[in-house]
């Protein structure tokens, strides 16, 4: 039996038949491409490593955590982790050197603790926030850098508390690191910072950059590197000569095989 299609229905029917045939084919092609896309992305990622293409710094994230020992040394909590580590700490800012120091640290991919004095904030009101946003930790170094053993308990509390309020205002976080001026922590101040949940912080390797002879870059660097050991907490200040020596200091430490840890990975 022969089916005769009237002329006026002929082309619409052919069009519908074409759609019925073509649509499944298009859907199949799209599905295959969606399945293969992740594989292509994976291959591209693997090739980036195999072809020695640089991996962006933000992709490199340390999962190690560290603690501070009683002799002010940094040690990894994981006993199998690399112990050849150091921590950089920078005192007495903010200052006119702060911007340059942050830039140098960024170029070298190094994070530090900036132990700030609140009295310096007014003259450099944007610095604390910049340091924090650059990924550094902001530590409490008291408001006006007074010897805590030579002032009353009331004044000591005010020195510490005022600085903490400023830091929290600028960073939206309470400080967890505290360093006493001159490294001298009175019994009352120790009790108070414990109550506030802060960690007492001293140092184990100093640049001695308050000494006149340390203005010489070579001496500045030698003061630190000659006493360097796994877990060293390095102390420097925001002097112009310290800032100028910082790039070479970081290079010298890295060449000795040390890694700078991120202070935000330190836990109690």
C-alpha atoms as a PDB file:
ATOM      1  CA  UNK A   1       0.000   0.000   0.000  1.00  0.00           C
ATOM      2  CA  UNK A   2       1.362   3.392  -0.940  1.00  0.00           C
ATOM      3  CA  UNK A   3       0.876   6.417   1.405  1.00  0.00           C
ATOM      4  CA  UNK A   4       0.387   9.617  -0.494  1.00  0.00           C
ATOM      5  CA  UNK A   5       1.283  12.845   1.330  1.00  0.00           C
ATOM      6  CA  UNK A   6      -0.536  15.894   0.206  1.00  0.00           C
ATOM      7  CA  UNK A   7       1.823  18.551  -1.160  1.00  0.00           C
ATOM      8  CA  UNK A   8       0.884  21.208   1.415  1.00  0.00           C
ATOM      9  CA  UNK A   9       1.907  18.871   4.311  1.00  0.00           C
ATOM     10  CA  UNK A  10       5.003  17.477   2.649  1.00  0.00           C
ATOM     11  CA  UNK A  11       7.667  20.003   3.760  1.00  0.00           C
ATOM     12  CA  UNK A  12       6.463  20.533   7.374  1.00  0.00           C
ATOM     13  CA  UNK A  13       6.537  16.765   7.870  1.00  0.00           C
ATOM     14  CA  UNK A  14      10.079  16.540   6.464  1.00  0.00           C
ATOM     15  CA  UNK A  15      11.150  19.347   8.826  1.00  0.00           C
ATOM     16  CA  UNK A  16       9.766  17.546  11.875  1.00  0.00           C
ATOM     17  CA  UNK A  17      11.459  14.307  10.853  1.00  0.00           C
ATOM     18  CA  UNK A  18      14.768  16.171  10.498  1.00  0.00           C
ATOM     19  CA  UNK A  19      14.432  17.653  13.991  1.00  0.00           C
ATOM     20  CA  UNK A  20      13.675  14.228  15.456  1.00  0.00           C
ATOM     21  CA  UNK A  21      16.899  12.889  13.912  1.00  0.00           C
ATOM     22  CA  UNK A  22      19.204  15.904  14.549  1.00  0.00           C
ATOM     23  CA  UNK A  23      18.296  16.829  18.173  1.00  0.00           C
ATOM     24  CA  UNK A  24      19.488  13.511  19.714  1.00  0.00           C
ATOM     25  CA  UNK A  25      22.757  13.820  17.771  1.00  0.00           C
ATOM     26  CA  UNK A  26      23.379  17.372  19.079  1.00  0.00           C
ATOM     27  CA  UNK A  27      22.528  16.321  22.640  1.00  0.00           C
ATOM     28  CA  UNK A  28      24.978  13.395  22.417  1.00  0.00           C
ATOM     29  CA  UNK A  29      27.800  15.663  21.189  1.00  0.00           C
ATOM     30  CA  UNK A  30      27.229  18.178  24.020  1.00  0.00           C
ATOM     31  CA  UNK A  31      27.188  15.425  26.642  1.00  0.00           C
ATOM     32  CA  UNK A  32      30.471  14.008  25.389  1.00  0.00           C
ATOM     33  CA  UNK A  33      32.115  17.458  25.520  1.00  0.00           C
ATOM     34  CA  UNK A  34      30.892  17.992  29.108  1.00  0.00           C
ATOM     35  CA  UNK A  35      32.296  14.647  30.194  1.00  0.00           C
ATOM     36  CA  UNK A  36      35.637  15.269  28.519  1.00  0.00           C
ATOM     37  CA  UNK A  37      36.054  18.871  29.752  1.00  0.00           C
ATOM     38  CA  UNK A  38      37.228  17.974  33.280  1.00  0.00           C
ATOM     39  CA  UNK A  39      39.715  15.534  31.789  1.00  0.00           C
ATOM     40  CA  UNK A  40      41.093  18.307  29.594  1.00  0.00           C
ATOM     41  CA  UNK A  41      41.380  20.582  32.619  1.00  0.00           C
ATOM     42  CA  UNK A  42      43.172  17.853  34.543  1.00  0.00           C
ATOM     43  CA  UNK A  43      45.596  17.231  31.678  1.00  0.00           C
ATOM     44  CA  UNK A  44      46.252  20.974  31.448  1.00  0.00           C
ATOM     45  CA  UNK A  45      46.958  21.114  35.180  1.00  0.00           C
ATOM     46  CA  UNK A  46      49.283  18.106  34.969  1.00  0.00           C
ATOM     47  CA  UNK A  47      51.081  19.620  31.972  1.00  0.00           C
ATOM     48  CA  UNK A  48      51.631  22.845  33.941  1.00  0.00           C
ATOM     49  CA  UNK A  49      53.643  20.828  36.441  1.00  0.00           C
ATOM     50  CA  UNK A  50      55.333  18.526  33.931  1.00  0.00           C
ATOM     51  CA  UNK A  51      56.363  21.434  31.719  1.00  0.00           C
ATOM     52  CA  UNK A  52      57.817  23.277  34.749  1.00  0.00           C
ATOM     53  CA  UNK A  53      55.428  26.199  34.315  1.00  0.00           C
ATOM     54  CA  UNK A  54      55.413  28.376  37.457  1.00  0.00           C
ATOM     55  CA  UNK A  55      52.601  27.718  39.904  1.00  0.00           C
ATOM     56  CA  UNK A  56      51.093  30.961  41.270  1.00  0.00           C
ATOM     57  CA  UNK A  57      52.154  31.661  44.858  1.00  0.00           C
ATOM     58  CA  UNK A  58      48.561  31.726  46.054  1.00  0.00           C
ATOM     59  CA  UNK A  59      48.241  28.040  45.087  1.00  0.00           C
ATOM     60  CA  UNK A  60      51.027  27.072  47.495  1.00  0.00           C
ATOM     61  CA  UNK A  61      49.439  26.717  50.932  1.00  0.00           C
ATOM     62  CA  UNK A  62      51.234  25.313  53.981  1.00  0.00           C
ATOM     63  CA  UNK A  63      49.166  23.002  56.158  1.00  0.00           C
ATOM     64  CA  UNK A  64      51.792  22.677  58.905  1.00  0.00           C
ATOM     65  CA  UNK A  65      51.165  24.204  62.328  1.00  0.00           C
ATOM     66  CA  UNK A  66      53.781  25.344  64.837  1.00  0.00           C
ATOM     67  CA  UNK A  67      54.172  26.130  68.518  1.00  0.00           C
ATOM     68  CA  UNK A  68      56.541  28.249  70.586  1.00  0.00           C
ATOM     69  CA  UNK A  69      58.800  26.526  73.106  1.00  0.00           C
ATOM     70  CA  UNK A  70      59.830  27.994  76.473  1.00  0.00           C
ATOM     71  CA  UNK A  71      63.174  29.083  75.010  1.00  0.00           C
ATOM     72  CA  UNK A  72      61.350  30.961  72.223  1.00  0.00           C
ATOM     73  CA  UNK A  73      61.992  28.541  69.412  1.00  0.00           C
ATOM     74  CA  UNK A  74      59.446  27.630  66.738  1.00  0.00           C
ATOM     75  CA  UNK A  75      58.845  23.899  66.293  1.00  0.00           C
ATOM     76  CA  UNK A  76      56.384  22.042  64.043  1.00  0.00           C
ATOM     77  CA  UNK A  77      53.640  20.118  65.813  1.00  0.00           C
ATOM     78  CA  UNK A  78      54.060  17.330  63.277  1.00  0.00           C
ATOM     79  CA  UNK A  79      57.320  15.575  64.303  1.00  0.00           C
ATOM     80  CA  UNK A  80      57.953  14.561  60.686  1.00  0.00           C
ATOM     81  CA  UNK A  81      57.692  18.109  59.316  1.00  0.00           C
ATOM     82  CA  UNK A  82      60.672  20.148  58.160  1.00  0.00           C
ATOM     83  CA  UNK A  83      62.366  21.624  61.237  1.00  0.00           C
ATOM     84  CA  UNK A  84      64.676  23.950  59.324  1.00  0.00           C
ATOM     85  CA  UNK A  85      62.301  26.873  59.714  1.00  0.00           C
ATOM     86  CA  UNK A  86      62.539  30.457  60.956  1.00  0.00           C
ATOM     87  CA  UNK A  87      60.126  33.249  61.812  1.00  0.00           C
ATOM     88  CA  UNK A  88      60.665  36.945  61.062  1.00  0.00           C
ATOM     89  CA  UNK A  89      59.439  39.554  63.551  1.00  0.00           C
ATOM     90  CA  UNK A  90      59.649  43.322  63.080  1.00  0.00           C
ATOM     91  CA  UNK A  91      59.273  45.774  65.972  1.00  0.00           C
ATOM     92  CA  UNK A  92      58.369  49.400  66.671  1.00  0.00           C
ATOM     93  CA  UNK A  93      56.212  50.312  63.683  1.00  0.00           C
ATOM     94  CA  UNK A  94      54.268  51.676  62.016  1.00  0.00           C
ATOM     95  CA  UNK A  95      56.892  53.937  60.443  1.00  0.00           C
ATOM     96  CA  UNK A  96      57.908  55.612  57.219  1.00  0.00           C
ATOM     97  CA  UNK A  97      59.751  52.365  56.362  1.00  0.00           C
ATOM     98  CA  UNK A  98      56.657  50.158  56.680  1.00  0.00           C
ATOM     99  CA  UNK A  99      55.455  50.404  53.077  1.00  0.00           C
ATOM    100  CA  UNK A 100      58.880  49.449  51.725  1.00  0.00           C
ATOM    101  CA  UNK A 101      59.185  46.563  54.167  1.00  0.00           C
ATOM    102  CA  UNK A 102      55.778  45.188  53.166  1.00  0.00           C
ATOM    103  CA  UNK A 103      56.754  45.467  49.503  1.00  0.00           C
ATOM    104  CA  UNK A 104      60.067  43.633  50.059  1.00  0.00           C
ATOM    105  CA  UNK A 105      58.352  40.840  51.981  1.00  0.00           C
ATOM    106  CA  UNK A 106      55.759  40.491  49.239  1.00  0.00           C
ATOM    107  CA  UNK A 107      58.476  40.213  46.575  1.00  0.00           C
ATOM    108  CA  UNK A 108      60.235  37.533  48.634  1.00  0.00           C
ATOM    109  CA  UNK A 109      57.001  35.683  49.562  1.00  0.00           C
ATOM    110  CA  UNK A 110      57.757  36.029  53.280  1.00  0.00           C
ATOM    111  CA  UNK A 111      55.238  36.651  56.070  1.00  0.00           C
ATOM    112  CA  UNK A 112      56.158  38.292  59.365  1.00  0.00           C
ATOM    113  CA  UNK A 113      54.770  39.515  62.664  1.00  0.00           C
ATOM    114  CA  UNK A 114      54.725  43.304  62.925  1.00  0.00           C
ATOM    115  CA  UNK A 115      54.862  44.165  66.632  1.00  0.00           C
ATOM    116  CA  UNK A 116      53.417  47.665  66.627  1.00  0.00           C
ATOM    117  CA  UNK A 117      53.305  50.561  69.090  1.00  0.00           C
ATOM    118  CA  UNK A 118      49.993  52.370  69.039  1.00  0.00           C
ATOM    119  CA  UNK A 119      51.614  55.772  69.583  1.00  0.00           C
ATOM    120  CA  UNK A 120      53.004  55.554  66.012  1.00  0.00           C
ATOM    121  CA  UNK A 121      49.629  54.938  64.405  1.00  0.00           C
ATOM    122  CA  UNK A 122      48.503  58.563  64.142  1.00  0.00           C
ATOM    123  CA  UNK A 123      51.425  59.517  61.893  1.00  0.00           C
ATOM    124  CA  UNK A 124      51.004  56.379  59.742  1.00  0.00           C
ATOM    125  CA  UNK A 125      47.299  55.667  60.023  1.00  0.00           C
ATOM    126  CA  UNK A 126      46.961  53.381  56.994  1.00  0.00           C
ATOM    127  CA  UNK A 127      49.875  51.035  57.698  1.00  0.00           C
ATOM    128  CA  UNK A 128      48.472  48.513  60.185  1.00  0.00           C
ATOM    129  CA  UNK A 129      45.585  47.693  57.868  1.00  0.00           C
ATOM    130  CA  UNK A 130      47.966  47.403  54.889  1.00  0.00           C
ATOM    131  CA  UNK A 131      50.238  45.005  56.773  1.00  0.00           C
ATOM    132  CA  UNK A 132      47.301  42.863  57.827  1.00  0.00           C
ATOM    133  CA  UNK A 133      45.752  42.811  54.349  1.00  0.00           C
ATOM    134  CA  UNK A 134      49.144  41.760  52.930  1.00  0.00           C
ATOM    135  CA  UNK A 135      48.871  38.593  55.037  1.00  0.00           C
ATOM    136  CA  UNK A 136      51.086  39.526  57.982  1.00  0.00           C
ATOM    137  CA  UNK A 137      50.229  39.148  61.661  1.00  0.00           C
ATOM    138  CA  UNK A 138      49.933  42.239  63.861  1.00  0.00           C
ATOM    139  CA  UNK A 139      51.366  41.794  67.343  1.00  0.00           C
ATOM    140  CA  UNK A 140      50.943  43.909  70.475  1.00  0.00           C
ATOM    141  CA  UNK A 141      54.159  45.697  71.545  1.00  0.00           C
ATOM    142  CA  UNK A 142      52.379  48.066  73.998  1.00  0.00           C
ATOM    143  CA  UNK A 143      51.164  51.561  73.254  1.00  0.00           C
ATOM    144  CA  UNK A 144      54.287  53.598  73.994  1.00  0.00           C
ATOM    145  CA  UNK A 145      57.131  51.088  74.463  1.00  0.00           C
ATOM    146  CA  UNK A 146      57.611  51.513  78.218  1.00  0.00           C
ATOM    147  CA  UNK A 147      59.506  49.062  80.406  1.00  0.00           C
ATOM    148  CA  UNK A 148      56.683  47.093  82.016  1.00  0.00           C
ATOM    149  CA  UNK A 149      58.692  46.473  85.187  1.00  0.00           C
ATOM    150  CA  UNK A 150      59.129  50.210  85.769  1.00  0.00           C
ATOM    151  CA  UNK A 151      55.475  51.233  85.647  1.00  0.00           C
ATOM    152  CA  UNK A 152      52.454  50.445  87.813  1.00  0.00           C
ATOM    153  CA  UNK A 153      50.144  47.534  87.121  1.00  0.00           C
ATOM    154  CA  UNK A 154      47.415  49.995  86.142  1.00  0.00           C
ATOM    155  CA  UNK A 155      49.666  51.697  83.581  1.00  0.00           C
ATOM    156  CA  UNK A 156      50.902  48.345  82.280  1.00  0.00           C
ATOM    157  CA  UNK A 157      47.318  47.200  81.713  1.00  0.00           C
ATOM    158  CA  UNK A 158      46.512  50.440  79.879  1.00  0.00           C
ATOM    159  CA  UNK A 159      49.648  50.113  77.690  1.00  0.00           C
ATOM    160  CA  UNK A 160      48.610  46.638  76.608  1.00  0.00           C
ATOM    161  CA  UNK A 161      44.840  47.128  76.453  1.00  0.00           C
ATOM    162  CA  UNK A 162      44.972  50.370  74.411  1.00  0.00           C
ATOM    163  CA  UNK A 163      47.166  48.698  71.828  1.00  0.00           C
ATOM    164  CA  UNK A 164      44.885  45.672  71.572  1.00  0.00           C
ATOM    165  CA  UNK A 165      41.875  47.911  71.018  1.00  0.00           C
ATOM    166  CA  UNK A 166      43.684  49.717  68.193  1.00  0.00           C
ATOM    167  CA  UNK A 167      44.787  46.477  66.529  1.00  0.00           C
ATOM    168  CA  UNK A 168      41.278  45.020  66.691  1.00  0.00           C
ATOM    169  CA  UNK A 169      39.853  48.235  65.251  1.00  0.00           C
ATOM    170  CA  UNK A 170      42.266  48.129  62.287  1.00  0.00           C
ATOM    171  CA  UNK A 171      42.149  44.381  61.590  1.00  0.00           C
ATOM    172  CA  UNK A 172      38.810  43.233  63.058  1.00  0.00           C
ATOM    173  CA  UNK A 173      40.822  40.662  65.020  1.00  0.00           C
ATOM    174  CA  UNK A 174      42.181  40.660  68.551  1.00  0.00           C
ATOM    175  CA  UNK A 175      45.985  40.264  68.648  1.00  0.00           C
ATOM    176  CA  UNK A 176      47.273  36.876  69.739  1.00  0.00           C
ATOM    177  CA  UNK A 177      50.996  37.721  69.859  1.00  0.00           C
ATOM    178  CA  UNK A 178      52.531  39.962  72.521  1.00  0.00           C
ATOM    179  CA  UNK A 179      56.103  41.173  72.852  1.00  0.00           C
ATOM    180  CA  UNK A 180      57.165  43.232  75.846  1.00  0.00           C
ATOM    181  CA  UNK A 181      59.372  46.268  75.169  1.00  0.00           C
ATOM    182  CA  UNK A 182      63.058  45.339  75.620  1.00  0.00           C
ATOM    183  CA  UNK A 183      61.883  41.741  76.071  1.00  0.00           C
ATOM    184  CA  UNK A 184      61.145  42.478  79.736  1.00  0.00           C
ATOM    185  CA  UNK A 185      57.829  41.023  80.866  1.00  0.00           C
ATOM    186  CA  UNK A 186      56.655  41.811  84.417  1.00  0.00           C
ATOM    187  CA  UNK A 187      54.761  39.141  86.409  1.00  0.00           C
ATOM    188  CA  UNK A 188      51.557  41.202  86.273  1.00  0.00           C
ATOM    189  CA  UNK A 189      51.851  41.782  82.503  1.00  0.00           C
ATOM    190  CA  UNK A 190      52.434  38.048  82.004  1.00  0.00           C
ATOM    191  CA  UNK A 191      49.290  37.256  83.967  1.00  0.00           C
ATOM    192  CA  UNK A 192      47.279  39.873  82.089  1.00  0.00           C
ATOM    193  CA  UNK A 193      48.247  38.747  78.589  1.00  0.00           C
ATOM    194  CA  UNK A 194      47.498  35.146  79.566  1.00  0.00           C
ATOM    195  CA  UNK A 195      44.012  36.256  80.630  1.00  0.00           C
ATOM    196  CA  UNK A 196      43.613  38.015  77.281  1.00  0.00           C
ATOM    197  CA  UNK A 197      44.535  34.866  75.356  1.00  0.00           C
ATOM    198  CA  UNK A 198      47.797  36.270  73.963  1.00  0.00           C
ATOM    199  CA  UNK A 199      51.106  34.454  73.617  1.00  0.00           C
ATOM    200  CA  UNK A 200      54.272  35.961  75.112  1.00  0.00           C
ATOM    201  CA  UNK A 201      56.827  36.392  72.362  1.00  0.00           C
ATOM    202  CA  UNK A 202      60.551  36.998  72.653  1.00  0.00           C
ATOM    203  CA  UNK A 203      63.325  36.211  70.165  1.00  0.00           C
ATOM    204  CA  UNK A 204      66.270  33.863  69.717  1.00  0.00           C
ATOM    205  CA  UNK A 205      68.237  35.602  66.938  1.00  0.00           C
ATOM    206  CA  UNK A 206      68.632  39.374  66.837  1.00  0.00           C
ATOM    207  CA  UNK A 207      69.947  41.805  64.249  1.00  0.00           C
ATOM    208  CA  UNK A 208      71.126  44.095  67.086  1.00  0.00           C
ATOM    209  CA  UNK A 209      70.082  46.884  64.751  1.00  0.00           C
ATOM    210  CA  UNK A 210      69.914  49.441  67.576  1.00  0.00           C
ATOM    211  CA  UNK A 211      73.719  49.352  67.676  1.00  0.00           C
ATOM    212  CA  UNK A 212      75.564  51.848  65.494  1.00  0.00           C
ATOM    213  CA  UNK A 213      77.819  49.221  63.917  1.00  0.00           C
ATOM    214  CA  UNK A 214      74.758  47.288  62.712  1.00  0.00           C
ATOM    215  CA  UNK A 215      74.087  50.039  60.175  1.00  0.00           C
ATOM    216  CA  UNK A 216      76.682  48.165  58.131  1.00  0.00           C
ATOM    217  CA  UNK A 217      74.652  45.701  56.063  1.00  0.00           C
ATOM    218  CA  UNK A 218      77.215  42.925  56.402  1.00  0.00           C
ATOM    219  CA  UNK A 219      77.252  43.177  60.189  1.00  0.00           C
ATOM    220  CA  UNK A 220      73.457  43.401  60.333  1.00  0.00           C
ATOM    221  CA  UNK A 221      73.130  40.140  58.397  1.00  0.00           C
ATOM    222  CA  UNK A 222      75.945  38.377  60.275  1.00  0.00           C
ATOM    223  CA  UNK A 223      74.343  39.237  63.623  1.00  0.00           C
ATOM    224  CA  UNK A 224      71.391  37.094  62.601  1.00  0.00           C
ATOM    225  CA  UNK A 225      72.926  34.347  60.492  1.00  0.00           C
ATOM    226  CA  UNK A 226      75.779  33.495  62.899  1.00  0.00           C
ATOM    227  CA  UNK A 227      73.251  32.435  65.550  1.00  0.00           C
ATOM    228  CA  UNK A 228      70.678  30.985  63.190  1.00  0.00           C
ATOM    229  CA  UNK A 229      69.322  27.554  64.038  1.00  0.00           C
ATOM    230  CA  UNK A 230      66.168  25.565  63.251  1.00  0.00           C
ATOM    231  CA  UNK A 231      63.225  27.359  64.813  1.00  0.00           C
ATOM    232  CA  UNK A 232      64.909  30.744  65.260  1.00  0.00           C
ATOM    233  CA  UNK A 233      62.686  33.743  65.933  1.00  0.00           C
ATOM    234  CA  UNK A 234      64.418  36.670  64.221  1.00  0.00           C
ATOM    235  CA  UNK A 235      64.220  40.208  65.600  1.00  0.00           C
ATOM    236  CA  UNK A 236      64.662  43.412  63.617  1.00  0.00           C
ATOM    237  CA  UNK A 237      63.272  46.938  63.811  1.00  0.00           C
ATOM    238  CA  UNK A 238      61.879  49.443  61.331  1.00  0.00           C
ATOM    239  CA  UNK A 239      65.122  51.384  60.862  1.00  0.00           C
ATOM    240  CA  UNK A 240      66.157  52.600  57.423  1.00  0.00           C
ATOM    241  CA  UNK A 241      69.321  50.475  57.507  1.00  0.00           C
ATOM    242  CA  UNK A 242      67.336  47.430  58.574  1.00  0.00           C
ATOM    243  CA  UNK A 243      64.919  47.963  55.697  1.00  0.00           C
ATOM    244  CA  UNK A 244      67.821  48.300  53.247  1.00  0.00           C
ATOM    245  CA  UNK A 245      69.446  45.089  54.476  1.00  0.00           C
ATOM    246  CA  UNK A 246      66.233  43.056  54.485  1.00  0.00           C
ATOM    247  CA  UNK A 247      66.335  41.716  50.880  1.00  0.00           C
ATOM    248  CA  UNK A 248      69.899  40.424  51.302  1.00  0.00           C
ATOM    249  CA  UNK A 249      69.066  39.029  54.738  1.00  0.00           C
ATOM    250  CA  UNK A 250      66.164  36.989  53.365  1.00  0.00           C
ATOM    251  CA  UNK A 251      68.317  35.728  50.487  1.00  0.00           C
ATOM    252  CA  UNK A 252      71.122  34.723  52.878  1.00  0.00           C
ATOM    253  CA  UNK A 253      68.717  32.809  55.112  1.00  0.00           C
ATOM    254  CA  UNK A 254      67.068  31.015  52.187  1.00  0.00           C
ATOM    255  CA  UNK A 255      70.477  30.079  50.777  1.00  0.00           C
ATOM    256  CA  UNK A 256      71.196  28.314  54.074  1.00  0.00           C
ATOM    257  CA  UNK A 257      68.199  26.110  53.392  1.00  0.00           C
ATOM    258  CA  UNK A 258      65.746  27.705  55.811  1.00  0.00           C
ATOM    259  CA  UNK A 259      62.056  28.309  55.184  1.00  0.00           C
ATOM    260  CA  UNK A 260      60.166  31.288  56.600  1.00  0.00           C
ATOM    261  CA  UNK A 261      56.935  30.182  58.235  1.00  0.00           C
ATOM    262  CA  UNK A 262      53.671  32.078  58.225  1.00  0.00           C
ATOM    263  CA  UNK A 263      52.957  33.291  61.792  1.00  0.00           C
ATOM    264  CA  UNK A 264      49.258  32.622  61.221  1.00  0.00           C
ATOM    265  CA  UNK A 265      50.121  28.902  61.405  1.00  0.00           C
ATOM    266  CA  UNK A 266      51.319  29.250  65.019  1.00  0.00           C
ATOM    267  CA  UNK A 267      48.954  27.783  67.620  1.00  0.00           C
ATOM    268  CA  UNK A 268      48.987  27.634  71.410  1.00  0.00           C
END
